[in-house]
N, C-alpha and C. Protein backbone atom coordinates (compact mmCIF):
# COMPACT_ATOMS: atom_id res chain seq x y z
N MET A 1 54.58 -48.95 -11.37
CA MET A 1 54.93 -50.27 -12.08
C MET A 1 55.56 -51.74 -11.30
N THR A 2 55.01 -52.20 -10.38
CA THR A 2 55.72 -53.45 -9.85
C THR A 2 55.54 -54.57 -10.30
N GLY A 3 56.67 -55.59 -10.01
CA GLY A 3 56.51 -56.47 -10.21
C GLY A 3 57.00 -57.46 -12.15
N VAL A 4 56.58 -56.45 -12.80
CA VAL A 4 57.19 -56.53 -14.44
C VAL A 4 57.72 -55.56 -14.74
N ASP A 5 58.77 -56.18 -15.97
CA ASP A 5 59.35 -55.01 -16.43
C ASP A 5 58.66 -54.20 -17.51
N LEU A 6 58.94 -53.36 -18.07
CA LEU A 6 58.19 -52.36 -19.24
C LEU A 6 58.00 -53.24 -20.34
N PRO A 7 59.15 -53.84 -21.35
CA PRO A 7 58.52 -54.89 -22.21
C PRO A 7 57.20 -56.10 -22.13
N ARG A 8 57.96 -56.51 -20.92
CA ARG A 8 56.79 -57.85 -20.67
C ARG A 8 55.55 -56.88 -20.43
N TRP A 9 55.46 -55.84 -19.77
CA TRP A 9 54.05 -55.24 -19.13
C TRP A 9 53.24 -55.05 -20.81
N ARG A 10 54.21 -54.21 -21.51
CA ARG A 10 53.23 -54.18 -22.70
C ARG A 10 52.96 -55.36 -23.48
N GLU A 11 53.89 -56.54 -23.53
CA GLU A 11 53.42 -58.11 -24.16
C GLU A 11 52.05 -58.33 -23.32
N HIS A 12 52.09 -58.34 -22.14
CA HIS A 12 50.97 -58.49 -21.35
C HIS A 12 49.58 -57.87 -21.92
N HIS A 13 49.82 -56.34 -21.84
CA HIS A 13 48.56 -55.12 -22.12
C HIS A 13 48.16 -55.47 -23.26
N ALA A 14 49.15 -55.93 -24.26
CA ALA A 14 48.39 -56.16 -25.72
C ALA A 14 47.74 -57.61 -25.90
N ALA A 15 48.14 -58.46 -24.90
CA ALA A 15 47.46 -59.52 -24.87
C ALA A 15 45.93 -59.67 -24.44
N ALA A 16 45.72 -58.36 -23.41
CA ALA A 16 44.72 -58.44 -22.48
C ALA A 16 43.50 -57.54 -23.85
N VAL A 17 44.38 -56.68 -24.66
CA VAL A 17 43.49 -55.84 -25.16
C VAL A 17 43.32 -57.15 -26.32
N THR A 18 44.15 -57.71 -27.21
CA THR A 18 43.64 -58.61 -28.01
C THR A 18 42.21 -59.59 -27.86
N ALA A 19 42.79 -60.20 -26.42
CA ALA A 19 41.36 -60.50 -26.15
C ALA A 19 40.45 -60.44 -25.63
N SER A 20 40.58 -58.86 -25.13
CA SER A 20 38.77 -58.30 -25.13
C SER A 20 38.26 -57.80 -26.55
N GLU A 21 39.18 -57.76 -27.40
CA GLU A 21 38.63 -57.35 -28.66
C GLU A 21 38.08 -58.86 -29.55
N GLU A 22 38.79 -59.88 -29.37
CA GLU A 22 38.62 -60.94 -29.96
C GLU A 22 37.02 -61.40 -29.25
N LEU A 23 36.74 -60.93 -27.69
CA LEU A 23 35.50 -61.15 -26.76
C LEU A 23 34.51 -60.15 -27.68
N LYS A 24 34.43 -59.52 -27.82
CA LYS A 24 33.51 -58.02 -28.47
C LYS A 24 33.39 -58.69 -29.62
N ALA A 25 34.03 -59.19 -30.42
CA ALA A 25 33.83 -59.57 -31.81
C ALA A 25 33.22 -60.70 -31.97
N ALA A 26 33.12 -61.57 -30.87
CA ALA A 26 32.54 -62.87 -31.18
C ALA A 26 31.07 -62.85 -30.76
N LEU A 27 31.19 -61.98 -29.84
CA LEU A 27 29.52 -61.35 -29.07
C LEU A 27 28.87 -60.42 -30.35
N ALA A 28 29.59 -59.82 -30.83
CA ALA A 28 28.98 -59.01 -31.91
C ALA A 28 28.86 -60.26 -33.32
N GLY A 29 29.81 -61.30 -33.42
CA GLY A 29 29.17 -62.33 -34.64
C GLY A 29 27.99 -63.20 -33.98
N LEU A 30 27.47 -62.90 -32.74
CA LEU A 30 26.85 -64.00 -31.93
C LEU A 30 25.18 -62.95 -32.30
N GLY A 31 25.42 -61.77 -32.70
CA GLY A 31 24.32 -60.53 -33.12
C GLY A 31 23.74 -60.27 -31.62
N ILE A 32 25.07 -60.09 -30.76
CA ILE A 32 24.41 -59.30 -29.61
C ILE A 32 24.93 -57.90 -29.68
N GLN A 33 24.09 -57.08 -29.12
CA GLN A 33 24.27 -55.43 -29.60
C GLN A 33 25.61 -55.08 -28.27
N GLU A 34 26.22 -54.49 -29.07
CA GLU A 34 27.11 -53.59 -28.42
C GLU A 34 26.66 -52.80 -27.27
N ARG A 35 25.96 -52.76 -26.68
CA ARG A 35 25.20 -51.57 -25.70
C ARG A 35 25.15 -52.52 -24.61
N HIS A 36 25.27 -53.91 -24.64
CA HIS A 36 25.45 -55.25 -23.88
C HIS A 36 26.44 -55.87 -23.42
N TYR A 37 27.72 -55.15 -24.33
CA TYR A 37 28.90 -55.66 -23.83
C TYR A 37 30.11 -54.50 -23.73
N ARG A 38 29.63 -53.27 -23.53
CA ARG A 38 30.35 -52.01 -24.01
C ARG A 38 31.15 -51.96 -22.93
N GLY A 39 31.06 -52.81 -21.89
CA GLY A 39 31.81 -52.53 -20.36
C GLY A 39 33.40 -53.57 -20.55
N ILE A 40 33.15 -54.38 -21.61
CA ILE A 40 34.52 -55.27 -22.35
C ILE A 40 35.80 -54.24 -22.06
N ARG A 41 36.74 -54.45 -21.50
CA ARG A 41 37.94 -53.87 -21.72
C ARG A 41 39.35 -54.62 -21.36
N PRO A 42 40.52 -54.28 -21.91
CA PRO A 42 42.05 -55.20 -21.04
C PRO A 42 41.66 -54.61 -19.56
N ALA A 43 42.41 -55.38 -18.92
CA ALA A 43 42.90 -54.86 -17.16
C ALA A 43 44.20 -55.61 -17.47
N MET A 44 44.93 -55.17 -16.19
CA MET A 44 46.29 -55.71 -15.68
C MET A 44 46.39 -55.50 -14.25
N THR A 45 47.12 -56.48 -13.94
CA THR A 45 47.19 -56.63 -12.34
C THR A 45 48.38 -55.69 -11.77
N SER A 46 48.87 -55.47 -10.85
CA SER A 46 49.90 -54.50 -10.61
C SER A 46 51.41 -55.54 -10.58
N THR A 47 51.20 -56.84 -10.90
CA THR A 47 52.30 -57.58 -11.63
C THR A 47 52.29 -57.78 -12.60
N GLY A 48 51.93 -57.41 -13.43
CA GLY A 48 51.22 -57.27 -14.92
C GLY A 48 50.98 -58.71 -15.55
N ARG A 49 49.96 -59.27 -14.91
CA ARG A 49 48.97 -60.33 -15.31
C ARG A 49 47.74 -59.41 -15.95
N PRO A 50 47.59 -60.18 -17.61
CA PRO A 50 46.65 -59.83 -18.02
C PRO A 50 45.36 -60.58 -17.57
N TYR A 51 44.32 -59.49 -18.21
CA TYR A 51 42.86 -60.07 -17.89
C TYR A 51 42.08 -59.53 -18.87
N VAL A 52 40.64 -59.75 -18.76
CA VAL A 52 39.48 -58.85 -19.55
C VAL A 52 38.65 -58.82 -18.35
N TYR A 53 38.26 -57.53 -17.95
CA TYR A 53 37.36 -57.19 -17.45
C TYR A 53 35.96 -57.18 -18.42
N LEU A 54 35.22 -57.75 -17.64
CA LEU A 54 33.60 -58.03 -18.63
C LEU A 54 32.60 -57.18 -18.28
N GLY A 55 32.39 -56.28 -16.92
CA GLY A 55 31.31 -55.19 -16.97
C GLY A 55 30.22 -55.59 -16.10
N ILE A 56 29.18 -54.77 -16.34
CA ILE A 56 27.91 -55.62 -15.84
C ILE A 56 27.06 -56.19 -17.37
N MET A 57 26.28 -57.08 -17.66
CA MET A 57 25.75 -57.38 -18.47
C MET A 57 24.40 -57.05 -18.21
N SER A 58 23.65 -57.33 -19.46
CA SER A 58 21.92 -57.72 -18.85
C SER A 58 21.71 -59.09 -18.50
N ALA A 59 20.88 -59.36 -18.00
CA ALA A 59 20.69 -60.66 -17.86
C ALA A 59 20.19 -61.91 -19.35
N ALA A 60 19.53 -60.87 -20.08
CA ALA A 60 19.13 -60.91 -21.40
C ALA A 60 20.42 -60.95 -22.23
N ALA A 61 21.30 -60.18 -22.23
CA ALA A 61 22.80 -60.49 -22.63
C ALA A 61 23.40 -62.04 -22.50
N VAL A 62 23.06 -62.08 -20.97
CA VAL A 62 24.12 -63.33 -20.67
C VAL A 62 23.38 -64.95 -20.96
N GLU A 63 22.25 -64.64 -21.24
CA GLU A 63 21.06 -65.72 -21.54
C GLU A 63 21.75 -66.10 -22.84
N SER A 64 21.58 -64.66 -23.63
CA SER A 64 21.59 -65.15 -24.95
C SER A 64 23.15 -65.72 -25.51
N ILE A 65 24.40 -64.96 -24.79
CA ILE A 65 25.39 -65.31 -25.23
C ILE A 65 25.63 -67.11 -24.47
N THR A 66 24.72 -67.43 -23.34
CA THR A 66 25.02 -68.60 -23.05
C THR A 66 24.40 -69.87 -23.64
N ALA A 67 23.20 -69.44 -23.97
CA ALA A 67 22.35 -69.89 -25.50
C ALA A 67 23.84 -70.50 -26.44
N ALA A 68 23.95 -69.17 -26.74
CA ALA A 68 25.15 -69.18 -28.18
C ALA A 68 26.01 -70.55 -27.99
N LEU A 69 26.59 -70.58 -26.92
CA LEU A 69 27.80 -71.35 -26.41
C LEU A 69 27.63 -72.77 -26.24
N GLN A 70 25.90 -72.84 -25.99
CA GLN A 70 25.61 -74.34 -26.11
C GLN A 70 25.02 -74.83 -27.14
N ASN A 71 25.00 -74.38 -28.33
CA ASN A 71 24.41 -74.65 -29.36
C ASN A 71 22.93 -74.51 -29.69
N ASP A 72 22.38 -73.41 -28.84
CA ASP A 72 21.08 -73.51 -28.77
C ASP A 72 20.92 -72.60 -29.53
N PRO A 73 19.95 -73.12 -30.75
CA PRO A 73 18.79 -72.21 -31.91
C PRO A 73 18.36 -71.08 -31.41
N ALA A 74 18.08 -71.01 -30.25
CA ALA A 74 17.68 -69.62 -29.92
C ALA A 74 18.62 -68.58 -29.45
N ALA A 75 19.72 -68.54 -29.61
CA ALA A 75 20.72 -68.00 -29.38
C ALA A 75 20.78 -66.76 -30.54
N GLN A 76 19.83 -66.99 -31.47
CA GLN A 76 20.11 -66.03 -32.43
C GLN A 76 19.12 -64.87 -32.53
N LYS A 77 18.62 -65.08 -31.01
CA LYS A 77 17.53 -64.16 -30.70
C LYS A 77 18.16 -62.85 -30.33
N PRO A 78 17.85 -61.41 -30.64
CA PRO A 78 18.66 -60.31 -29.71
C PRO A 78 18.36 -60.39 -28.51
N PRO A 79 19.22 -59.88 -27.12
CA PRO A 79 18.90 -60.10 -25.96
C PRO A 79 17.85 -58.84 -25.96
N GLY A 80 16.86 -58.80 -24.68
CA GLY A 80 15.62 -57.70 -24.72
C GLY A 80 14.50 -58.44 -25.26
N GLY A 81 14.30 -59.50 -26.16
CA GLY A 81 13.21 -60.20 -27.04
C GLY A 81 12.26 -60.77 -26.23
N PRO A 82 11.29 -61.35 -26.73
CA PRO A 82 10.74 -62.44 -25.61
C PRO A 82 11.08 -63.19 -25.12
N SER A 83 11.15 -63.80 -24.17
CA SER A 83 11.20 -64.60 -22.87
C SER A 83 10.84 -66.25 -23.24
N HIS A 84 11.18 -67.07 -23.64
CA HIS A 84 10.42 -68.63 -23.59
C HIS A 84 10.53 -69.11 -22.32
């Protein structure tokens, strides 16, 4: 570990874990199935900066997420359903 002391690294790692769990919960709340976002996980740089790795998501899942973020009623349909 370079660039950050252990207590600060733990604090930043906890922030990354919390952020990734909150994002997963928000996606679940939108009705998105976990299989579409299971790649989400906390990540840290070598200097201790917290990030959330999103992994790969299906285009249908991203379309549903985008629609929900735009307050589109069509966001309630699960990914993989018929497209309009």
